[in-house]
Amino acid sequence: MGKKRIIKKGEEAPAPEAKQIGPQSSSKKVREGRVYVYSSYNNIIMTLTDRTGRVLAQVSAGAIGFKGTKKSTPFAASKVADALTQIAKNKGVEELEVFLKGVGAGRDSALRALGAKGFAILSIEDTTPVPHNGPRAAKVRRV
């Protein structure tokens, strides 16, 4: 237990200092950005970063308001892309590099929605991990 401060008459309590938690808001306009689209069987997550990798915005189908199996639909992916493009336009982003990951149904519709919003898409890259050779085979069964 620490010391207790007793406030005397006529003396005001000191105001607590405000601390900002989370990423610092930057007023800098970003011209080029990267969009990472993660599409699973359960959800769509899209992240907007600058060229160095600092996250500027992140939107998912669940955060927009979709629930259950509706989160992984192409319609939800297009709505997520619309929400992310609004944020990107406010930040001044004009050119995008798109990185797709996952096997969900919303990959194509998210990419089409980004292209339809007037961004110059510089590159599209699929970063889905692909197994090459797989796990070790089981040993031969002896009877």
N, C-alpha and C. Protein backbone atom coordinates (compact mmCIF):
# COMPACT_ATOMS: atom_id res chain seq x y z
N MET A 1 0.84 -1.17 0.00
CA MET A 1 0.00 0.00 0.00
C MET A 1 0.89 1.23 0.00
N GLY A 2 0.57 2.14 -0.91
CA GLY A 2 1.35 3.36 -1.04
C GLY A 2 0.87 4.44 -0.10
N LYS A 3 1.53 5.56 -0.20
CA LYS A 3 1.16 6.70 0.65
C LYS A 3 -0.16 7.28 0.17
N LYS A 4 -0.92 7.75 1.09
CA LYS A 4 -2.18 8.40 0.75
C LYS A 4 -1.97 9.90 0.77
N ARG A 5 -2.50 10.56 -0.23
CA ARG A 5 -2.36 12.01 -0.32
C ARG A 5 -3.60 12.64 0.25
N ILE A 6 -3.41 13.49 1.21
CA ILE A 6 -4.53 14.18 1.85
C ILE A 6 -4.63 15.56 1.24
N ILE A 7 -5.82 15.88 0.75
CA ILE A 7 -6.05 17.18 0.12
C ILE A 7 -6.57 18.14 1.17
N LYS A 8 -5.89 19.25 1.31
CA LYS A 8 -6.29 20.26 2.30
C LYS A 8 -7.32 21.18 1.68
N LYS A 9 -8.01 21.92 2.51
CA LYS A 9 -9.03 22.85 2.03
C LYS A 9 -8.39 23.88 1.11
N GLY A 10 -9.11 24.17 0.02
CA GLY A 10 -8.63 25.16 -0.94
C GLY A 10 -7.63 24.59 -1.93
N GLU A 11 -7.26 23.34 -1.77
CA GLU A 11 -6.31 22.72 -2.68
C GLU A 11 -7.05 21.73 -3.57
N GLU A 12 -6.77 21.76 -4.87
CA GLU A 12 -7.44 20.87 -5.80
C GLU A 12 -6.59 19.63 -6.04
N ALA A 13 -7.27 18.54 -6.36
CA ALA A 13 -6.58 17.29 -6.66
C ALA A 13 -5.89 17.41 -8.02
N PRO A 14 -4.70 16.85 -8.16
CA PRO A 14 -4.02 16.91 -9.46
C PRO A 14 -4.76 16.07 -10.49
N ALA A 15 -4.84 16.60 -11.70
CA ALA A 15 -5.54 15.87 -12.78
C ALA A 15 -4.66 14.73 -13.26
N PRO A 16 -5.22 13.55 -13.46
CA PRO A 16 -4.42 12.45 -13.97
C PRO A 16 -4.00 12.70 -15.41
N GLU A 17 -2.79 12.23 -15.75
CA GLU A 17 -2.30 12.43 -17.11
C GLU A 17 -2.99 11.47 -18.06
N ALA A 18 -3.36 11.94 -19.24
CA ALA A 18 -4.01 11.10 -20.24
C ALA A 18 -2.95 10.34 -21.02
N LYS A 19 -3.12 9.04 -21.11
CA LYS A 19 -2.19 8.21 -21.87
C LYS A 19 -2.94 7.61 -23.04
N GLN A 20 -2.31 7.65 -24.19
CA GLN A 20 -2.93 7.07 -25.36
C GLN A 20 -2.46 5.64 -25.49
N ILE A 21 -3.43 4.73 -25.52
CA ILE A 21 -3.12 3.32 -25.65
C ILE A 21 -3.39 2.91 -27.08
N GLY A 22 -2.51 2.10 -27.65
CA GLY A 22 -2.69 1.65 -29.02
C GLY A 22 -1.80 2.42 -29.97
N PRO A 23 -2.03 2.24 -31.27
CA PRO A 23 -1.17 2.89 -32.25
C PRO A 23 -1.38 4.40 -32.28
N GLN A 24 -0.30 5.10 -32.50
CA GLN A 24 -0.36 6.55 -32.56
C GLN A 24 -0.98 6.97 -33.89
N SER A 25 -1.88 7.91 -33.86
CA SER A 25 -2.50 8.37 -35.10
C SER A 25 -1.53 9.32 -35.81
N SER A 26 -1.28 9.03 -37.05
CA SER A 26 -0.36 9.86 -37.81
C SER A 26 -1.17 10.69 -38.81
N SER A 27 -0.80 11.94 -38.92
CA SER A 27 -1.50 12.82 -39.84
C SER A 27 -0.88 12.77 -41.24
N LYS A 28 0.18 11.96 -41.39
CA LYS A 28 0.85 11.85 -42.68
C LYS A 28 -0.05 11.14 -43.69
N LYS A 29 -0.05 11.62 -44.90
CA LYS A 29 -0.77 10.96 -45.98
C LYS A 29 0.14 9.90 -46.57
N VAL A 30 -0.44 8.73 -46.78
CA VAL A 30 0.30 7.61 -47.34
C VAL A 30 -0.20 7.39 -48.76
N ARG A 31 0.70 7.39 -49.73
CA ARG A 31 0.29 7.25 -51.13
C ARG A 31 0.20 5.79 -51.55
N GLU A 32 1.16 4.99 -51.10
CA GLU A 32 1.19 3.58 -51.46
C GLU A 32 0.93 2.74 -50.22
N GLY A 33 0.15 1.68 -50.39
CA GLY A 33 -0.14 0.82 -49.26
C GLY A 33 -0.17 -0.63 -49.67
N ARG A 34 -0.26 -1.48 -48.66
CA ARG A 34 -0.38 -2.91 -48.89
C ARG A 34 -1.64 -3.40 -48.21
N VAL A 35 -2.36 -4.27 -48.88
CA VAL A 35 -3.56 -4.87 -48.31
C VAL A 35 -3.33 -6.37 -48.19
N TYR A 36 -3.46 -6.87 -46.98
CA TYR A 36 -3.33 -8.29 -46.71
C TYR A 36 -4.73 -8.85 -46.50
N VAL A 37 -5.13 -9.80 -47.36
CA VAL A 37 -6.46 -10.40 -47.29
C VAL A 37 -6.28 -11.83 -46.78
N TYR A 38 -6.84 -12.11 -45.60
CA TYR A 38 -6.81 -13.47 -45.06
C TYR A 38 -8.23 -14.01 -45.12
N SER A 39 -8.41 -15.04 -45.90
CA SER A 39 -9.73 -15.60 -46.12
C SER A 39 -9.74 -17.05 -45.66
N SER A 40 -10.43 -17.32 -44.56
CA SER A 40 -10.54 -18.69 -44.06
C SER A 40 -11.95 -19.20 -44.31
N TYR A 41 -12.23 -20.39 -43.85
CA TYR A 41 -13.57 -20.95 -44.00
C TYR A 41 -14.55 -20.26 -43.05
N ASN A 42 -14.04 -19.52 -42.07
CA ASN A 42 -14.90 -18.93 -41.04
C ASN A 42 -14.97 -17.41 -41.08
N ASN A 43 -14.01 -16.72 -41.64
CA ASN A 43 -13.98 -15.26 -41.55
C ASN A 43 -13.11 -14.69 -42.67
N ILE A 44 -13.24 -13.38 -42.86
CA ILE A 44 -12.40 -12.63 -43.80
C ILE A 44 -11.76 -11.50 -42.98
N ILE A 45 -10.44 -11.39 -43.03
CA ILE A 45 -9.74 -10.32 -42.33
C ILE A 45 -8.89 -9.57 -43.35
N MET A 46 -9.06 -8.25 -43.41
CA MET A 46 -8.27 -7.43 -44.32
C MET A 46 -7.51 -6.39 -43.52
N THR A 47 -6.21 -6.27 -43.81
CA THR A 47 -5.35 -5.35 -43.10
C THR A 47 -4.69 -4.41 -44.09
N LEU A 48 -4.72 -3.12 -43.79
CA LEU A 48 -4.07 -2.10 -44.62
C LEU A 48 -2.81 -1.65 -43.90
N THR A 49 -1.68 -1.72 -44.59
CA THR A 49 -0.42 -1.26 -44.02
C THR A 49 0.25 -0.30 -44.99
N ASP A 50 1.26 0.40 -44.49
CA ASP A 50 2.06 1.21 -45.40
C ASP A 50 3.17 0.33 -45.96
N ARG A 51 4.10 0.91 -46.71
CA ARG A 51 5.14 0.12 -47.36
C ARG A 51 6.07 -0.56 -46.36
N THR A 52 6.24 0.04 -45.18
CA THR A 52 7.16 -0.53 -44.19
C THR A 52 6.49 -1.59 -43.32
N GLY A 53 5.17 -1.72 -43.38
CA GLY A 53 4.48 -2.74 -42.62
C GLY A 53 3.72 -2.24 -41.41
N ARG A 54 3.70 -0.92 -41.19
CA ARG A 54 2.93 -0.38 -40.06
C ARG A 54 1.45 -0.49 -40.38
N VAL A 55 0.68 -1.03 -39.46
CA VAL A 55 -0.74 -1.24 -39.69
C VAL A 55 -1.47 0.09 -39.61
N LEU A 56 -2.22 0.40 -40.66
CA LEU A 56 -3.03 1.63 -40.69
C LEU A 56 -4.48 1.33 -40.33
N ALA A 57 -4.98 0.18 -40.74
CA ALA A 57 -6.37 -0.18 -40.45
C ALA A 57 -6.53 -1.68 -40.60
N GLN A 58 -7.51 -2.21 -39.87
CA GLN A 58 -7.83 -3.63 -39.97
C GLN A 58 -9.33 -3.80 -39.82
N VAL A 59 -9.92 -4.57 -40.73
CA VAL A 59 -11.37 -4.78 -40.74
C VAL A 59 -11.63 -6.27 -40.96
N SER A 60 -12.62 -6.79 -40.26
CA SER A 60 -13.01 -8.18 -40.48
C SER A 60 -14.52 -8.25 -40.65
N ALA A 61 -14.99 -9.37 -41.17
CA ALA A 61 -16.43 -9.53 -41.38
C ALA A 61 -17.17 -9.55 -40.05
N GLY A 62 -16.57 -10.11 -39.03
CA GLY A 62 -17.19 -10.11 -37.71
C GLY A 62 -17.27 -8.73 -37.12
N ALA A 63 -16.28 -7.88 -37.38
CA ALA A 63 -16.29 -6.52 -36.85
C ALA A 63 -17.36 -5.67 -37.52
N ILE A 64 -17.70 -5.98 -38.76
CA ILE A 64 -18.73 -5.22 -39.46
C ILE A 64 -20.11 -5.57 -38.94
N GLY A 65 -20.29 -6.83 -38.52
CA GLY A 65 -21.59 -7.21 -37.99
C GLY A 65 -22.12 -8.53 -38.50
N PHE A 66 -21.35 -9.20 -39.37
CA PHE A 66 -21.79 -10.51 -39.84
C PHE A 66 -21.56 -11.53 -38.74
N LYS A 67 -22.46 -12.50 -38.65
CA LYS A 67 -22.34 -13.54 -37.63
C LYS A 67 -22.42 -14.92 -38.27
N GLY A 68 -21.78 -15.88 -37.62
CA GLY A 68 -21.89 -17.27 -38.03
C GLY A 68 -21.33 -17.54 -39.41
N THR A 69 -22.04 -18.35 -40.17
CA THR A 69 -21.54 -18.76 -41.49
C THR A 69 -21.59 -17.64 -42.51
N LYS A 70 -22.28 -16.55 -42.21
CA LYS A 70 -22.36 -15.43 -43.15
C LYS A 70 -21.04 -14.66 -43.23
N LYS A 71 -20.16 -14.84 -42.24
CA LYS A 71 -18.88 -14.14 -42.23
C LYS A 71 -17.96 -14.58 -43.37
N SER A 72 -18.12 -15.79 -43.84
CA SER A 72 -17.19 -16.32 -44.84
C SER A 72 -17.74 -16.27 -46.26
N THR A 73 -18.79 -15.49 -46.49
CA THR A 73 -19.39 -15.42 -47.82
C THR A 73 -18.69 -14.37 -48.69
N PRO A 74 -18.81 -14.47 -50.00
CA PRO A 74 -18.26 -13.45 -50.88
C PRO A 74 -18.90 -12.07 -50.66
N PHE A 75 -20.17 -12.05 -50.29
CA PHE A 75 -20.83 -10.77 -50.02
C PHE A 75 -20.20 -10.08 -48.83
N ALA A 76 -19.91 -10.83 -47.78
CA ALA A 76 -19.25 -10.26 -46.61
C ALA A 76 -17.86 -9.76 -46.97
N ALA A 77 -17.16 -10.48 -47.84
CA ALA A 77 -15.82 -10.05 -48.25
C ALA A 77 -15.87 -8.73 -49.01
N SER A 78 -16.89 -8.56 -49.85
CA SER A 78 -17.00 -7.29 -50.57
C SER A 78 -17.33 -6.14 -49.62
N LYS A 79 -18.13 -6.40 -48.60
CA LYS A 79 -18.45 -5.36 -47.62
C LYS A 79 -17.22 -5.00 -46.79
N VAL A 80 -16.41 -5.99 -46.46
CA VAL A 80 -15.16 -5.72 -45.73
C VAL A 80 -14.23 -4.88 -46.59
N ALA A 81 -14.15 -5.20 -47.87
CA ALA A 81 -13.30 -4.43 -48.78
C ALA A 81 -13.82 -3.00 -48.92
N ASP A 82 -15.14 -2.82 -48.95
CA ASP A 82 -15.70 -1.47 -49.01
C ASP A 82 -15.33 -0.65 -47.78
N ALA A 83 -15.42 -1.28 -46.61
CA ALA A 83 -15.07 -0.58 -45.37
C ALA A 83 -13.59 -0.21 -45.34
N LEU A 84 -12.75 -1.12 -45.84
CA LEU A 84 -11.32 -0.84 -45.84
C LEU A 84 -10.97 0.25 -46.86
N THR A 85 -11.66 0.28 -48.00
CA THR A 85 -11.37 1.32 -48.99
C THR A 85 -11.76 2.70 -48.49
N GLN A 86 -12.82 2.79 -47.70
CA GLN A 86 -13.18 4.09 -47.11
C GLN A 86 -12.04 4.61 -46.24
N ILE A 87 -11.49 3.74 -45.42
CA ILE A 87 -10.38 4.14 -44.55
C ILE A 87 -9.16 4.50 -45.38
N ALA A 88 -8.89 3.71 -46.41
CA ALA A 88 -7.72 3.95 -47.25
C ALA A 88 -7.83 5.28 -47.99
N LYS A 89 -9.03 5.61 -48.47
CA LYS A 89 -9.22 6.89 -49.16
C LYS A 89 -8.98 8.06 -48.20
N ASN A 90 -9.43 7.91 -46.95
CA ASN A 90 -9.22 8.96 -45.96
C ASN A 90 -7.74 9.14 -45.63
N LYS A 91 -6.97 8.08 -45.72
CA LYS A 91 -5.53 8.15 -45.43
C LYS A 91 -4.74 8.63 -46.65
N GLY A 92 -5.39 8.73 -47.81
CA GLY A 92 -4.72 9.22 -49.01
C GLY A 92 -4.07 8.15 -49.85
N VAL A 93 -4.42 6.90 -49.65
CA VAL A 93 -3.81 5.81 -50.40
C VAL A 93 -4.37 5.79 -51.82
N GLU A 94 -3.47 5.68 -52.80
CA GLU A 94 -3.88 5.64 -54.20
C GLU A 94 -3.45 4.34 -54.88
N GLU A 95 -2.31 3.77 -54.45
CA GLU A 95 -1.78 2.57 -55.07
C GLU A 95 -1.70 1.46 -54.03
N LEU A 96 -2.04 0.25 -54.46
CA LEU A 96 -2.08 -0.88 -53.53
C LEU A 96 -1.29 -2.07 -54.07
N GLU A 97 -0.69 -2.79 -53.15
CA GLU A 97 -0.16 -4.12 -53.41
C GLU A 97 -1.04 -5.06 -52.60
N VAL A 98 -1.55 -6.11 -53.22
CA VAL A 98 -2.50 -7.00 -52.57
C VAL A 98 -1.84 -8.35 -52.33
N PHE A 99 -1.97 -8.85 -51.10
CA PHE A 99 -1.45 -10.16 -50.72
C PHE A 99 -2.62 -11.01 -50.24
N LEU A 100 -2.89 -12.10 -50.95
CA LEU A 100 -4.00 -12.99 -50.62
C LEU A 100 -3.46 -14.20 -49.88
N LYS A 101 -4.21 -14.62 -48.84
CA LYS A 101 -3.80 -15.79 -48.07
C LYS A 101 -5.04 -16.53 -47.63
N GLY A 102 -5.03 -17.84 -47.76
CA GLY A 102 -6.15 -18.64 -47.31
C GLY A 102 -6.94 -19.24 -48.46
N VAL A 103 -7.93 -20.05 -48.09
CA VAL A 103 -8.67 -20.81 -49.08
C VAL A 103 -10.16 -20.51 -49.05
N GLY A 104 -10.57 -19.45 -48.41
CA GLY A 104 -11.99 -19.16 -48.26
C GLY A 104 -12.64 -18.68 -49.54
N ALA A 105 -13.96 -18.54 -49.45
CA ALA A 105 -14.76 -18.17 -50.62
C ALA A 105 -14.64 -16.69 -50.98
N GLY A 106 -14.17 -15.86 -50.08
CA GLY A 106 -14.19 -14.42 -50.31
C GLY A 106 -12.96 -13.82 -50.94
N ARG A 107 -12.00 -14.64 -51.32
CA ARG A 107 -10.76 -14.10 -51.89
C ARG A 107 -11.02 -13.29 -53.15
N ASP A 108 -11.72 -13.88 -54.10
CA ASP A 108 -11.92 -13.23 -55.40
C ASP A 108 -12.80 -11.99 -55.28
N SER A 109 -13.86 -12.09 -54.50
CA SER A 109 -14.76 -10.95 -54.40
C SER A 109 -14.10 -9.79 -53.66
N ALA A 110 -13.23 -10.08 -52.71
CA ALA A 110 -12.51 -9.01 -52.02
C ALA A 110 -11.57 -8.30 -52.99
N LEU A 111 -10.91 -9.07 -53.82
CA LEU A 111 -10.00 -8.49 -54.81
C LEU A 111 -10.76 -7.68 -55.84
N ARG A 112 -11.90 -8.17 -56.30
CA ARG A 112 -12.72 -7.43 -57.27
C ARG A 112 -13.25 -6.13 -56.67
N ALA A 113 -13.63 -6.18 -55.39
CA ALA A 113 -14.13 -4.97 -54.74
C ALA A 113 -13.04 -3.92 -54.60
N LEU A 114 -11.82 -4.35 -54.32
CA LEU A 114 -10.70 -3.39 -54.24
C LEU A 114 -10.42 -2.77 -55.60
N GLY A 115 -10.48 -3.58 -56.64
CA GLY A 115 -10.22 -3.07 -57.99
C GLY A 115 -11.30 -2.12 -58.48
N ALA A 116 -12.53 -2.35 -58.03
CA ALA A 116 -13.65 -1.52 -58.50
C ALA A 116 -13.69 -0.16 -57.82
N LYS A 117 -12.95 0.03 -56.75
CA LYS A 117 -12.99 1.29 -56.01
C LYS A 117 -12.01 2.34 -56.52
N GLY A 118 -11.31 2.05 -57.60
CA GLY A 118 -10.48 3.08 -58.22
C GLY A 118 -9.04 3.11 -57.76
N PHE A 119 -8.58 2.09 -57.07
CA PHE A 119 -7.17 2.04 -56.69
C PHE A 119 -6.34 1.49 -57.84
N ALA A 120 -5.11 1.95 -57.92
CA ALA A 120 -4.17 1.37 -58.87
C ALA A 120 -3.52 0.18 -58.18
N ILE A 121 -3.85 -1.03 -58.64
CA ILE A 121 -3.30 -2.23 -58.02
C ILE A 121 -1.99 -2.56 -58.72
N LEU A 122 -0.89 -2.43 -57.96
CA LEU A 122 0.43 -2.63 -58.52
C LEU A 122 0.77 -4.10 -58.67
N SER A 123 0.41 -4.91 -57.69
CA SER A 123 0.71 -6.33 -57.77
C SER A 123 -0.27 -7.13 -56.94
N ILE A 124 -0.45 -8.38 -57.32
CA ILE A 124 -1.29 -9.32 -56.59
C ILE A 124 -0.43 -10.55 -56.33
N GLU A 125 -0.32 -10.94 -55.06
CA GLU A 125 0.52 -12.08 -54.70
C GLU A 125 -0.26 -13.02 -53.80
N ASP A 126 -0.16 -14.29 -54.09
CA ASP A 126 -0.81 -15.31 -53.27
C ASP A 126 0.22 -15.86 -52.30
N THR A 127 0.01 -15.66 -51.00
CA THR A 127 0.97 -16.09 -49.99
C THR A 127 0.43 -17.27 -49.17
N THR A 128 -0.51 -18.02 -49.75
CA THR A 128 -1.06 -19.17 -49.05
C THR A 128 0.03 -20.22 -48.88
N PRO A 129 0.23 -20.72 -47.65
CA PRO A 129 1.26 -21.73 -47.47
C PRO A 129 0.87 -23.04 -48.16
N VAL A 130 1.81 -23.62 -48.88
CA VAL A 130 1.55 -24.85 -49.62
C VAL A 130 2.49 -25.93 -49.09
N PRO A 131 1.96 -27.07 -48.66
CA PRO A 131 2.85 -28.13 -48.18
C PRO A 131 3.64 -28.75 -49.33
N HIS A 132 4.89 -29.07 -49.10
CA HIS A 132 5.70 -29.69 -50.14
C HIS A 132 6.36 -30.93 -49.54
N ASN A 133 5.74 -32.06 -49.73
CA ASN A 133 6.15 -33.38 -49.32
C ASN A 133 5.32 -33.86 -48.13
N GLY A 134 4.80 -33.02 -47.31
CA GLY A 134 3.92 -33.43 -46.24
C GLY A 134 4.62 -34.07 -45.07
N PRO A 135 3.85 -34.65 -44.13
CA PRO A 135 4.45 -35.27 -42.95
C PRO A 135 5.08 -36.63 -43.28
N ARG A 136 5.82 -37.11 -42.33
CA ARG A 136 6.48 -38.39 -42.53
C ARG A 136 5.44 -39.51 -42.60
N ALA A 137 5.65 -40.47 -43.50
CA ALA A 137 4.73 -41.58 -43.67
C ALA A 137 4.78 -42.50 -42.46
N ALA A 138 3.66 -43.17 -42.18
CA ALA A 138 3.62 -44.12 -41.07
C ALA A 138 4.46 -45.34 -41.38
N LYS A 139 5.00 -45.93 -40.31
CA LYS A 139 5.83 -47.12 -40.54
C LYS A 139 4.97 -48.28 -41.02
N VAL A 140 5.60 -49.24 -41.64
CA VAL A 140 4.90 -50.37 -42.21
C VAL A 140 4.36 -51.25 -41.08
N ARG A 141 3.12 -51.65 -41.22
CA ARG A 141 2.45 -52.46 -40.18
C ARG A 141 2.92 -53.91 -40.29
N ARG A 142 3.32 -54.50 -39.15
CA ARG A 142 3.75 -55.90 -39.12
C ARG A 142 2.69 -56.72 -38.40
N VAL A 143 2.29 -57.82 -39.00
CA VAL A 143 1.24 -58.67 -38.40
C VAL A 143 1.85 -59.95 -37.87
